[in-house]
Amino acid sequence: MNTPAAIRRLTLAILTFLAPFTAHAQPAYPRGTVTILVPYAPGGITDVLARIVAERLTQRLGVPVVAENRSGAGGTIAAQAVARAKPDGQTLLMHSSAILPVVLSLPDSTFDPMKELAPVAFVAGLPSVLTVHPSVPANTMAELLAWLRANPGKANCGNLGEGANDHQACKAIERAAGTQMTHVTYRGLPPLNIDLLAGTIQMNIGSVPVQMPLVKEGRLRALAVGTIQRVATLPNLPTLLESGVQFDTLAKNAIYAPAGTPAPVIARLNVDIAAIMAEPAVRARVDGLGAVVGAPDVESLRAAFQRDWERARENLKR
């Protein structure tokens, strides 16, 4: 007789029978140490953000979460290592949207981050600033462009890889000046800054949190920011767009997993990282770095990832 009580007993029996199979289909997460690969040298803003996330995720996941630096090839070495990792959430990537133009600029590259990486959580956005060595006789963008025109081929602009945001910015400055510069590639912003401070290279467009302390010490000079609008903490600096240079960017540092990572794992990480970024102490640390806290839902990050990919493709056609 199909009484409500009999139906409940039958449902309970079915669920009990299926429980071990469901547990097998959805293994526990995490299963041990979680590694976040960082594509740049230690000390840069991406590295700092990765370590903030790793520290808090250790507490929330109940297992060690470690940040591991694996620099090179404009950040693609770490990105491809994560793409090739088992899609179980144990190996993650902290990268900025700068990876997209780098990948597009690589000759004969078969790596497709849009297909091989799964967005997990937007951690923080990084406004950029154009800084020059004090030996450069320019206090404004107009003076810099005039100096470049008068000295074709003599200026060195540092970057983190062909196609990276700072490389694109240097190319845009070249177009605005109608001349050429020498482009010098580094594995991260800290080693780049060593040469910039020594005057070996003359300029770079790097993250505000890293560059502005050097500007305040008088060791570098800031001429413009690379965002669409002026940066609230630097209201007197014009944007590159205002200065006639057709370039803007806000580098989005986000966590990615290998494509195919189970949706429940991505959902858990997204919720945990969003909670981490909402902590007052974390927000204060990120604000102190000059970054902008992110952490939207996964679909918003995926849509932004797609927009950045299309924009990088367009910029590299110029």
C-alpha atoms as a PDB file:
ATOM      1  CA  MET A   1       0.000   0.000   0.000  1.00  0.00           C
ATOM      2  CA  ASN A   2       1.465   3.329  -1.071  1.00  0.00           C
ATOM      3  CA  THR A   3       0.942   5.180   2.208  1.00  0.00           C
ATOM      4  CA  PRO A   4       3.057   8.298   2.947  1.00  0.00           C
ATOM      5  CA  ALA A   5       4.979   6.312   5.565  1.00  0.00           C
ATOM      6  CA  ALA A   6       5.744   3.530   3.078  1.00  0.00           C
ATOM      7  CA  ILE A   7       6.910   6.069   0.487  1.00  0.00           C
ATOM      8  CA  ARG A   8       9.216   7.711   3.032  1.00  0.00           C
ATOM      9  CA  ARG A   9      10.698   4.312   3.970  1.00  0.00           C
ATOM     10  CA  LEU A  10      11.259   3.472   0.305  1.00  0.00           C
ATOM     11  CA  THR A  11      12.891   6.873  -0.366  1.00  0.00           C
ATOM     12  CA  LEU A  12      15.186   6.459   2.640  1.00  0.00           C
ATOM     13  CA  ALA A  13      16.186   2.995   1.483  1.00  0.00           C
ATOM     14  CA  ILE A  14      17.036   4.283  -2.021  1.00  0.00           C
ATOM     15  CA  LEU A  15      19.108   7.171  -0.632  1.00  0.00           C
ATOM     16  CA  THR A  16      20.942   4.819   1.700  1.00  0.00           C
ATOM     17  CA  PHE A  17      21.712   2.495  -1.207  1.00  0.00           C
ATOM     18  CA  LEU A  18      22.974   5.365  -3.401  1.00  0.00           C
ATOM     19  CA  ALA A  19      25.024   7.124  -0.713  1.00  0.00           C
ATOM     20  CA  PRO A  20      28.336   5.296  -1.296  1.00  0.00           C
ATOM     21  CA  PHE A  21      28.041   5.781  -5.063  1.00  0.00           C
ATOM     22  CA  THR A  22      27.350   9.508  -4.647  1.00  0.00           C
ATOM     23  CA  ALA A  23      30.315   9.845  -2.307  1.00  0.00           C
ATOM     24  CA  HIS A  24      32.487   8.087  -4.882  1.00  0.00           C
ATOM     25  CA  ALA A  25      31.283  10.427  -7.651  1.00  0.00           C
ATOM     26  CA  GLN A  26      31.948  13.522  -5.560  1.00  0.00           C
ATOM     27  CA  PRO A  27      35.225  12.906  -3.656  1.00  0.00           C
ATOM     28  CA  ALA A  28      35.956  14.973  -0.594  1.00  0.00           C
ATOM     29  CA  TYR A  29      37.675  18.294  -1.185  1.00  0.00           C
ATOM     30  CA  PRO A  30      40.372  19.134  -0.388  1.00  0.00           C
ATOM     31  CA  ARG A  31      42.371  15.901  -0.135  1.00  0.00           C
ATOM     32  CA  GLY A  32      45.665  17.429   1.014  1.00  0.00           C
ATOM     33  CA  THR A  33      47.922  20.397   0.383  1.00  0.00           C
ATOM     34  CA  VAL A  34      46.552  22.899  -2.141  1.00  0.00           C
ATOM     35  CA  THR A  35      49.153  24.702  -4.253  1.00  0.00           C
ATOM     36  CA  ILE A  36      48.634  28.143  -5.807  1.00  0.00           C
ATOM     37  CA  LEU A  37      51.147  28.741  -8.585  1.00  0.00           C
ATOM     38  CA  VAL A  38      52.314  32.341  -8.982  1.00  0.00           C
ATOM     39  CA  PRO A  39      53.671  33.220 -12.450  1.00  0.00           C
ATOM     40  CA  TYR A  40      56.055  35.965 -11.346  1.00  0.00           C
ATOM     41  CA  ALA A  41      59.057  36.414  -9.062  1.00  0.00           C
ATOM     42  CA  PRO A  42      58.537  36.811  -5.283  1.00  0.00           C
ATOM     43  CA  GLY A  43      57.721  40.265  -3.976  1.00  0.00           C
ATOM     44  CA  GLY A  44      55.383  41.449  -6.719  1.00  0.00           C
ATOM     45  CA  ILE A  45      51.755  42.326  -6.092  1.00  0.00           C
ATOM     46  CA  THR A  46      50.444  39.079  -7.616  1.00  0.00           C
ATOM     47  CA  ASP A  47      52.722  37.149  -5.271  1.00  0.00           C
ATOM     48  CA  VAL A  48      51.564  39.174  -2.241  1.00  0.00           C
ATOM     49  CA  LEU A  49      47.888  38.635  -3.095  1.00  0.00           C
ATOM     50  CA  ALA A  50      48.447  34.900  -3.585  1.00  0.00           C
ATOM     51  CA  ARG A  51      50.016  34.643  -0.133  1.00  0.00           C
ATOM     52  CA  ILE A  52      47.138  36.555   1.481  1.00  0.00           C
ATOM     53  CA  VAL A  53      44.664  34.135  -0.105  1.00  0.00           C
ATOM     54  CA  ALA A  54      46.782  31.082   0.759  1.00  0.00           C
ATOM     55  CA  GLU A  55      47.054  32.112   4.404  1.00  0.00           C
ATOM     56  CA  ARG A  56      43.299  32.522   4.829  1.00  0.00           C
ATOM     57  CA  LEU A  57      42.364  29.482   2.702  1.00  0.00           C
ATOM     58  CA  THR A  58      44.544  27.330   4.953  1.00  0.00           C
ATOM     59  CA  GLN A  59      42.263  28.271   7.826  1.00  0.00           C
ATOM     60  CA  ARG A  60      39.038  27.774   5.881  1.00  0.00           C
ATOM     61  CA  LEU A  61      39.919  24.519   4.091  1.00  0.00           C
ATOM     62  CA  GLY A  62      41.693  22.930   7.032  1.00  0.00           C
ATOM     63  CA  VAL A  63      44.700  21.869   4.938  1.00  0.00           C
ATOM     64  CA  PRO A  64      47.950  23.648   4.025  1.00  0.00           C
ATOM     65  CA  VAL A  65      47.567  26.059   1.111  1.00  0.00           C
ATOM     66  CA  VAL A  66      50.919  27.193  -0.273  1.00  0.00           C
ATOM     67  CA  ALA A  67      51.912  29.792  -2.865  1.00  0.00           C
ATOM     68  CA  GLU A  68      54.682  28.622  -5.192  1.00  0.00           C
ATOM     69  CA  ASN A  69      56.517  30.954  -7.592  1.00  0.00           C
ATOM     70  CA  ARG A  70      57.054  29.586 -11.086  1.00  0.00           C
ATOM     71  CA  SER A  71      58.031  32.488 -13.317  1.00  0.00           C
ATOM     72  CA  GLY A  72      58.967  32.703 -16.965  1.00  0.00           C
ATOM     73  CA  ALA A  73      57.578  33.169 -20.486  1.00  0.00           C
ATOM     74  CA  GLY A  74      55.389  36.099 -19.506  1.00  0.00           C
ATOM     75  CA  GLY A  75      53.582  34.001 -16.921  1.00  0.00           C
ATOM     76  CA  THR A  76      52.600  31.187 -19.274  1.00  0.00           C
ATOM     77  CA  ILE A  77      54.849  28.549 -17.655  1.00  0.00           C
ATOM     78  CA  ALA A  78      52.781  28.578 -14.462  1.00  0.00           C
ATOM     79  CA  ALA A  79      49.525  28.895 -16.371  1.00  0.00           C
ATOM     80  CA  GLN A  80      50.236  25.885 -18.570  1.00  0.00           C
ATOM     81  CA  ALA A  81      51.375  23.855 -15.557  1.00  0.00           C
ATOM     82  CA  VAL A  82      47.993  24.457 -13.930  1.00  0.00           C
ATOM     83  CA  ALA A  83      46.158  23.712 -17.174  1.00  0.00           C
ATOM     84  CA  ARG A  84      47.938  20.328 -17.324  1.00  0.00           C
ATOM     85  CA  ALA A  85      47.311  19.530 -13.644  1.00  0.00           C
ATOM     86  CA  LYS A  86      44.648  17.087 -12.502  1.00  0.00           C
ATOM     87  CA  PRO A  87      41.324  18.991 -12.458  1.00  0.00           C
ATOM     88  CA  ASP A  88      40.561  18.390  -8.804  1.00  0.00           C
ATOM     89  CA  GLY A  89      41.168  21.819  -7.243  1.00  0.00           C
ATOM     90  CA  GLN A  90      44.449  20.800  -5.624  1.00  0.00           C
ATOM     91  CA  THR A  91      46.518  22.933  -8.045  1.00  0.00           C
ATOM     92  CA  LEU A  92      45.401  26.505  -8.671  1.00  0.00           C
ATOM     93  CA  LEU A  93      46.763  29.585 -10.419  1.00  0.00           C
ATOM     94  CA  MET A  94      46.900  33.207  -9.285  1.00  0.00           C
ATOM     95  CA  HIS A  95      47.269  35.260 -12.430  1.00  0.00           C
ATOM     96  CA  SER A  96      46.294  38.617 -13.831  1.00  0.00           C
ATOM     97  CA  SER A  97      44.447  39.273 -17.055  1.00  0.00           C
ATOM     98  CA  ALA A  98      47.895  40.143 -18.446  1.00  0.00           C
ATOM     99  CA  ILE A  99      48.254  36.494 -19.418  1.00  0.00           C
ATOM    100  CA  LEU A 100      45.792  36.881 -22.289  1.00  0.00           C
ATOM    101  CA  PRO A 101      47.768  39.214 -24.561  1.00  0.00           C
ATOM    102  CA  VAL A 102      50.952  37.287 -23.761  1.00  0.00           C
ATOM    103  CA  VAL A 103      49.421  34.033 -24.967  1.00  0.00           C
ATOM    104  CA  LEU A 104      48.055  35.700 -28.093  1.00  0.00           C
ATOM    105  CA  SER A 105      51.483  37.086 -28.950  1.00  0.00           C
ATOM    106  CA  LEU A 106      53.341  33.766 -28.634  1.00  0.00           C
ATOM    107  CA  PRO A 107      54.224  32.292 -32.045  1.00  0.00           C
ATOM    108  CA  ASP A 108      52.822  28.819 -32.722  1.00  0.00           C
ATOM    109  CA  SER A 109      51.313  28.580 -29.243  1.00  0.00           C
ATOM    110  CA  THR A 110      48.657  25.910 -28.781  1.00  0.00           C
ATOM    111  CA  PHE A 111      47.804  27.027 -25.242  1.00  0.00           C
ATOM    112  CA  ASP A 112      44.261  28.420 -25.006  1.00  0.00           C
ATOM    113  CA  PRO A 113      43.533  29.791 -21.510  1.00  0.00           C
ATOM    114  CA  MET A 114      39.887  30.339 -22.422  1.00  0.00           C
ATOM    115  CA  LYS A 115      39.493  26.570 -22.886  1.00  0.00           C
ATOM    116  CA  GLU A 116      42.133  25.194 -20.532  1.00  0.00           C
ATOM    117  CA  LEU A 117      41.575  27.321 -17.410  1.00  0.00           C
ATOM    118  CA  ALA A 118      38.424  27.676 -15.331  1.00  0.00           C
ATOM    119  CA  PRO A 119      37.859  31.037 -13.570  1.00  0.00           C
ATOM    120  CA  VAL A 120      37.339  30.611  -9.824  1.00  0.00           C
ATOM    121  CA  ALA A 121      37.383  34.014  -8.091  1.00  0.00           C
ATOM    122  CA  PHE A 122      38.392  37.613  -8.819  1.00  0.00           C
ATOM    123  CA  VAL A 123      40.722  38.623  -5.993  1.00  0.00           C
ATOM    124  CA  ALA A 124      41.769  42.219  -6.732  1.00  0.00           C
ATOM    125  CA  GLY A 125      42.237  44.718  -9.533  1.00  0.00           C
ATOM    126  CA  LEU A 126      45.536  46.552  -9.909  1.00  0.00           C
ATOM    127  CA  PRO A 127      45.699  50.056 -11.372  1.00  0.00           C
ATOM    128  CA  SER A 128      48.931  50.799 -13.203  1.00  0.00           C
ATOM    129  CA  VAL A 129      51.185  53.850 -13.372  1.00  0.00           C
ATOM    130  CA  LEU A 130      53.829  54.921 -15.885  1.00  0.00           C
ATOM    131  CA  THR A 131      57.101  55.634 -14.103  1.00  0.00           C
ATOM    132  CA  VAL A 132      60.376  56.885 -15.535  1.00  0.00           C
ATOM    133  CA  HIS A 133      63.936  57.097 -14.238  1.00  0.00           C
ATOM    134  CA  PRO A 134      64.836  60.591 -12.931  1.00  0.00           C
ATOM    135  CA  SER A 135      67.409  60.948 -15.708  1.00  0.00           C
ATOM    136  CA  VAL A 136      64.571  61.186 -18.247  1.00  0.00           C
ATOM    137  CA  PRO A 137      64.032  64.933 -18.854  1.00  0.00           C
ATOM    138  CA  ALA A 138      60.231  64.785 -18.647  1.00  0.00           C
ATOM    139  CA  ASN A 139      57.727  65.779 -15.984  1.00  0.00           C
ATOM    140  CA  THR A 140      54.636  65.309 -18.153  1.00  0.00           C
ATOM    141  CA  MET A 141      53.506  62.908 -20.853  1.00  0.00           C
ATOM    142  CA  ALA A 142      53.811  65.666 -23.451  1.00  0.00           C
ATOM    143  CA  GLU A 143      57.452  66.176 -22.480  1.00  0.00           C
ATOM    144  CA  LEU A 144      58.085  62.419 -22.531  1.00  0.00           C
ATOM    145  CA  LEU A 145      56.622  62.055 -26.034  1.00  0.00           C
ATOM    146  CA  ALA A 146      58.713  65.008 -27.242  1.00  0.00           C
ATOM    147  CA  TRP A 147      61.867  63.478 -25.742  1.00  0.00           C
ATOM    148  CA  LEU A 148      61.153  60.130 -27.391  1.00  0.00           C
ATOM    149  CA  ARG A 149      60.696  61.831 -30.777  1.00  0.00           C
ATOM    150  CA  ALA A 150      64.015  63.616 -30.343  1.00  0.00           C
ATOM    151  CA  ASN A 151      65.776  60.382 -29.319  1.00  0.00           C
ATOM    152  CA  PRO A 152      64.406  57.572 -31.507  1.00  0.00           C
ATOM    153  CA  GLY A 153      65.512  54.114 -30.456  1.00  0.00           C
ATOM    154  CA  LYS A 154      67.443  55.317 -27.399  1.00  0.00           C
ATOM    155  CA  ALA A 155      64.840  54.640 -24.705  1.00  0.00           C
ATOM    156  CA  ASN A 156      64.447  51.221 -23.068  1.00  0.00           C
ATOM    157  CA  CYS A 157      61.016  50.211 -21.780  1.00  0.00           C
ATOM    158  CA  GLY A 158      60.813  47.259 -19.393  1.00  0.00           C
ATOM    159  CA  ASN A 159      58.018  44.696 -19.585  1.00  0.00           C
ATOM    160  CA  LEU A 160      56.926  41.313 -18.238  1.00  0.00           C
ATOM    161  CA  GLY A 161      56.674  39.609 -21.602  1.00  0.00           C
ATOM    162  CA  GLU A 162      55.689  40.274 -25.174  1.00  0.00           C
ATOM    163  CA  GLY A 163      52.001  41.108 -25.265  1.00  0.00           C
ATOM    164  CA  ALA A 164      51.766  41.770 -21.510  1.00  0.00           C
ATOM    165  CA  ASN A 165      49.910  44.885 -20.369  1.00  0.00           C
ATOM    166  CA  ASP A 166      53.106  46.868 -19.824  1.00  0.00           C
ATOM    167  CA  HIS A 167      54.425  45.780 -23.234  1.00  0.00           C
ATOM    168  CA  GLN A 168      51.169  46.900 -24.857  1.00  0.00           C
ATOM    169  CA  ALA A 169      51.439  50.232 -23.015  1.00  0.00           C
ATOM    170  CA  CYS A 170      54.970  50.794 -24.305  1.00  0.00           C
ATOM    171  CA  LYS A 171      53.811  50.014 -27.836  1.00  0.00           C
ATOM    172  CA  ALA A 172      50.965  52.507 -27.438  1.00  0.00           C
ATOM    173  CA  ILE A 173      53.447  55.177 -26.271  1.00  0.00           C
ATOM    174  CA  GLU A 174      55.598  54.418 -29.304  1.00  0.00           C
ATOM    175  CA  ARG A 175      52.606  54.956 -31.583  1.00  0.00           C
ATOM    176  CA  ALA A 176      51.718  58.234 -29.859  1.00  0.00           C
ATOM    177  CA  ALA A 177      55.312  59.472 -30.191  1.00  0.00           C
ATOM    178  CA  GLY A 178      55.710  58.183 -33.740  1.00  0.00           C
ATOM    179  CA  THR A 179      59.010  56.535 -32.860  1.00  0.00           C
ATOM    180  CA  GLN A 180      60.448  53.303 -31.456  1.00  0.00           C
ATOM    181  CA  MET A 181      61.860  52.086 -28.159  1.00  0.00           C
ATOM    182  CA  THR A 182      63.830  49.007 -27.143  1.00  0.00           C
ATOM    183  CA  HIS A 183      61.647  46.542 -25.238  1.00  0.00           C
ATOM    184  CA  VAL A 184      63.388  44.630 -22.438  1.00  0.00           C
ATOM    185  CA  THR A 185      61.654  41.601 -20.864  1.00  0.00           C
ATOM    186  CA  TYR A 186      61.895  40.530 -17.194  1.00  0.00           C
ATOM    187  CA  ARG A 187      60.562  37.635 -15.122  1.00  0.00           C
ATOM    188  CA  GLY A 188      58.848  39.929 -12.640  1.00  0.00           C
ATOM    189  CA  LEU A 189      58.468  43.524 -11.507  1.00  0.00           C
ATOM    190  CA  PRO A 190      61.067  43.343  -8.674  1.00  0.00           C
ATOM    191  CA  PRO A 191      63.995  42.466 -11.014  1.00  0.00           C
ATOM    192  CA  LEU A 192      62.654  44.954 -13.574  1.00  0.00           C
ATOM    193  CA  ASN A 193      62.691  47.679 -10.931  1.00  0.00           C
ATOM    194  CA  ILE A 194      66.330  46.947 -10.106  1.00  0.00           C
ATOM    195  CA  ASP A 195      67.261  47.991 -13.648  1.00  0.00           C
ATOM    196  CA  LEU A 196      64.754  50.846 -13.711  1.00  0.00           C
ATOM    197  CA  LEU A 197      66.192  52.308 -10.508  1.00  0.00           C
ATOM    198  CA  ALA A 198      69.705  51.919 -11.934  1.00  0.00           C
ATOM    199  CA  GLY A 199      68.724  53.719 -15.131  1.00  0.00           C
ATOM    200  CA  THR A 200      69.479  50.672 -17.292  1.00  0.00           C
ATOM    201  CA  ILE A 201      65.940  50.987 -18.589  1.00  0.00           C
ATOM    202  CA  GLN A 202      64.136  54.304 -18.640  1.00  0.00           C
ATOM    203  CA  MET A 203      60.464  53.449 -18.074  1.00  0.00           C
ATOM    204  CA  ASN A 204      57.787  50.915 -17.259  1.00  0.00           C
ATOM    205  CA  ILE A 205      54.072  50.892 -16.583  1.00  0.00           C
ATOM    206  CA  GLY A 206      53.712  48.824 -13.421  1.00  0.00           C
ATOM    207  CA  SER A 207      51.255  48.362 -10.591  1.00  0.00           C
ATOM    208  CA  VAL A 208      50.501  51.409  -8.442  1.00  0.00           C
ATOM    209  CA  PRO A 209      51.144  49.565  -5.141  1.00  0.00           C
ATOM    210  CA  VAL A 210      54.680  48.595  -6.147  1.00  0.00           C
ATOM    211  CA  GLN A 211      55.758  51.717  -8.042  1.00  0.00           C
ATOM    212  CA  MET A 212      54.343  54.576  -5.982  1.00  0.00           C
ATOM    213  CA  PRO A 213      56.495  53.991  -2.867  1.00  0.00           C
ATOM    214  CA  LEU A 214      59.533  54.388  -5.136  1.00  0.00           C
ATOM    215  CA  VAL A 215      58.027  57.588  -6.540  1.00  0.00           C
ATOM    216  CA  LYS A 216      57.428  58.960  -3.049  1.00  0.00           C
ATOM    217  CA  GLU A 217      61.076  58.252  -2.203  1.00  0.00           C
ATOM    218  CA  GLY A 218      62.098  60.323  -5.240  1.00  0.00           C
ATOM    219  CA  ARG A 219      63.720  57.341  -6.934  1.00  0.00           C
ATOM    220  CA  LEU A 220      61.242  57.298  -9.834  1.00  0.00           C
ATOM    221  CA  ARG A 221      58.944  59.867 -11.433  1.00  0.00           C
ATOM    222  CA  ALA A 222      55.262  59.134 -12.158  1.00  0.00           C
ATOM    223  CA  LEU A 223      53.744  60.638 -15.300  1.00  0.00           C
ATOM    224  CA  ALA A 224      50.349  58.981 -15.860  1.00  0.00           C
ATOM    225  CA  VAL A 225      48.066  56.157 -14.773  1.00  0.00           C
ATOM    226  CA  GLY A 226      46.942  53.400 -17.096  1.00  0.00           C
ATOM    227  CA  THR A 227      43.285  53.210 -16.060  1.00  0.00           C
ATOM    228  CA  ILE A 228      40.213  54.554 -17.866  1.00  0.00           C
ATOM    229  CA  GLN A 229      39.584  57.066 -15.078  1.00  0.00           C
ATOM    230  CA  ARG A 230      42.023  58.758 -12.723  1.00  0.00           C
ATOM    231  CA  VAL A 231      42.990  56.763  -9.635  1.00  0.00           C
ATOM    232  CA  ALA A 232      41.336  58.135  -6.492  1.00  0.00           C
ATOM    233  CA  THR A 233      44.567  58.030  -4.488  1.00  0.00           C
ATOM    234  CA  LEU A 234      46.505  59.789  -7.302  1.00  0.00           C
ATOM    235  CA  PRO A 235      44.079  62.509  -8.458  1.00  0.00           C
ATOM    236  CA  ASN A 236      46.793  64.746  -9.923  1.00  0.00           C
ATOM    237  CA  LEU A 237      48.090  62.134 -12.342  1.00  0.00           C
ATOM    238  CA  PRO A 238      46.367  62.155 -15.760  1.00  0.00           C
ATOM    239  CA  THR A 239      45.432  58.963 -17.531  1.00  0.00           C
ATOM    240  CA  LEU A 240      47.361  57.816 -20.578  1.00  0.00           C
ATOM    241  CA  LEU A 241      44.156  58.365 -22.550  1.00  0.00           C
ATOM    242  CA  GLU A 242      44.013  62.005 -21.429  1.00  0.00           C
ATOM    243  CA  SER A 243      47.603  62.337 -22.581  1.00  0.00           C
ATOM    244  CA  GLY A 244      46.918  61.121 -26.100  1.00  0.00           C
ATOM    245  CA  VAL A 245      48.123  57.535 -25.594  1.00  0.00           C
ATOM    246  CA  GLN A 246      45.428  55.052 -26.605  1.00  0.00           C
ATOM    247  CA  PHE A 247      45.779  52.523 -23.826  1.00  0.00           C
ATOM    248  CA  ASP A 248      44.069  51.650 -20.566  1.00  0.00           C
ATOM    249  CA  THR A 249      44.019  48.615 -18.321  1.00  0.00           C
ATOM    250  CA  LEU A 250      43.055  47.355 -14.889  1.00  0.00           C
ATOM    251  CA  ALA A 251      44.939  44.116 -14.305  1.00  0.00           C
ATOM    252  CA  LYS A 252      42.523  41.635 -12.721  1.00  0.00           C
ATOM    253  CA  ASN A 253      44.283  39.227 -10.398  1.00  0.00           C
ATOM    254  CA  ALA A 254      42.152  36.117 -10.083  1.00  0.00           C
ATOM    255  CA  ILE A 255      42.314  32.478  -9.076  1.00  0.00           C
ATOM    256  CA  TYR A 256      41.964  29.875 -11.842  1.00  0.00           C
ATOM    257  CA  ALA A 257      41.716  26.080 -11.831  1.00  0.00           C
ATOM    258  CA  PRO A 258      42.283  23.532 -14.587  1.00  0.00           C
ATOM    259  CA  ALA A 259      39.355  23.232 -16.978  1.00  0.00           C
ATOM    260  CA  GLY A 260      37.144  20.327 -15.973  1.00  0.00           C
ATOM    261  CA  THR A 261      37.454  20.974 -12.243  1.00  0.00           C
ATOM    262  CA  PRO A 262      34.141  19.883 -10.655  1.00  0.00           C
ATOM    263  CA  ALA A 263      31.625  22.689 -10.270  1.00  0.00           C
ATOM    264  CA  PRO A 264      31.142  22.029  -6.505  1.00  0.00           C
ATOM    265  CA  VAL A 265      34.893  22.511  -5.954  1.00  0.00           C
ATOM    266  CA  ILE A 266      34.906  25.793  -7.893  1.00  0.00           C
ATOM    267  CA  ALA A 267      31.774  26.922  -6.060  1.00  0.00           C
ATOM    268  CA  ARG A 268      33.329  26.203  -2.671  1.00  0.00           C
ATOM    269  CA  LEU A 269      36.550  28.030  -3.525  1.00  0.00           C
ATOM    270  CA  ASN A 270      34.590  30.989  -4.889  1.00  0.00           C
ATOM    271  CA  VAL A 271      32.528  31.268  -1.711  1.00  0.00           C
ATOM    272  CA  ASP A 272      35.586  30.900   0.527  1.00  0.00           C
ATOM    273  CA  ILE A 273      37.672  33.453  -1.408  1.00  0.00           C
ATOM    274  CA  ALA A 274      34.757  35.914  -1.516  1.00  0.00           C
ATOM    275  CA  ALA A 275      34.456  35.578   2.261  1.00  0.00           C
ATOM    276  CA  ILE A 276      38.206  36.067   2.659  1.00  0.00           C
ATOM    277  CA  MET A 277      38.191  39.244   0.555  1.00  0.00           C
ATOM    278  CA  ALA A 278      35.260  40.584   2.593  1.00  0.00           C
ATOM    279  CA  GLU A 279      37.177  40.303   5.879  1.00  0.00           C
ATOM    280  CA  PRO A 280      37.924  43.822   7.206  1.00  0.00           C
ATOM    281  CA  ALA A 281      41.558  42.923   7.930  1.00  0.00           C
ATOM    282  CA  VAL A 282      42.066  41.580   4.397  1.00  0.00           C
ATOM    283  CA  ARG A 283      40.340  44.569   2.803  1.00  0.00           C
ATOM    284  CA  ALA A 284      42.614  46.856   4.806  1.00  0.00           C
ATOM    285  CA  ARG A 285      45.712  44.973   3.581  1.00  0.00           C
ATOM    286  CA  VAL A 286      44.547  45.094  -0.032  1.00  0.00           C
ATOM    287  CA  ASP A 287      43.610  48.772   0.218  1.00  0.00           C
ATOM    288  CA  GLY A 288      47.050  49.423   1.673  1.00  0.00           C
ATOM    289  CA  LEU A 289      48.551  47.818  -1.398  1.00  0.00           C
ATOM    290  CA  GLY A 290      46.673  50.260  -3.613  1.00  0.00           C
ATOM    291  CA  ALA A 291      44.601  47.462  -5.122  1.00  0.00           C
ATOM    292  CA  VAL A 292      40.830  47.200  -5.524  1.00  0.00           C
ATOM    293  CA  VAL A 293      39.113  44.218  -3.878  1.00  0.00           C
ATOM    294  CA  GLY A 294      37.245  42.003  -6.331  1.00  0.00           C
ATOM    295  CA  ALA A 295      35.443  38.666  -5.657  1.00  0.00           C
ATOM    296  CA  PRO A 296      32.353  38.646  -7.903  1.00  0.00           C
ATOM    297  CA  ASP A 297      30.537  35.429  -8.793  1.00  0.00           C
ATOM    298  CA  VAL A 298      32.117  32.912 -11.158  1.00  0.00           C
ATOM    299  CA  GLU A 299      29.924  33.851 -14.124  1.00  0.00           C
ATOM    300  CA  SER A 300      30.882  37.538 -13.828  1.00  0.00           C
ATOM    301  CA  LEU A 301      34.555  36.596 -13.769  1.00  0.00           C
ATOM    302  CA  ARG A 302      34.114  34.295 -16.763  1.00  0.00           C
ATOM    303  CA  ALA A 303      32.414  37.117 -18.710  1.00  0.00           C
ATOM    304  CA  ALA A 304      35.225  39.542 -17.792  1.00  0.00           C
ATOM    305  CA  PHE A 305      37.785  36.909 -18.847  1.00  0.00           C
ATOM    306  CA  GLN A 306      36.085  36.696 -22.248  1.00  0.00           C
ATOM    307  CA  ARG A 307      35.984  40.498 -22.647  1.00  0.00           C
ATOM    308  CA  ASP A 308      39.685  40.792 -21.768  1.00  0.00           C
ATOM    309  CA  TRP A 309      40.533  38.063 -24.284  1.00  0.00           C
ATOM    310  CA  GLU A 310      38.683  39.860 -27.087  1.00  0.00           C
ATOM    311  CA  ARG A 311      40.221  43.194 -26.146  1.00  0.00           C
ATOM    312  CA  ALA A 312      43.747  41.749 -26.085  1.00  0.00           C
ATOM    313  CA  ARG A 313      43.158  40.285 -29.528  1.00  0.00           C
ATOM    314  CA  GLU A 314      42.104  43.695 -30.829  1.00  0.00           C
ATOM    315  CA  ASN A 315      45.040  45.507 -29.203  1.00  0.00           C
ATOM    316  CA  LEU A 316      47.549  43.135 -30.741  1.00  0.00           C
ATOM    317  CA  LYS A 317      46.148  43.809 -34.215  1.00  0.00           C
ATOM    318  CA  ARG A 318      47.160  47.474 -33.959  1.00  0.00           C
END
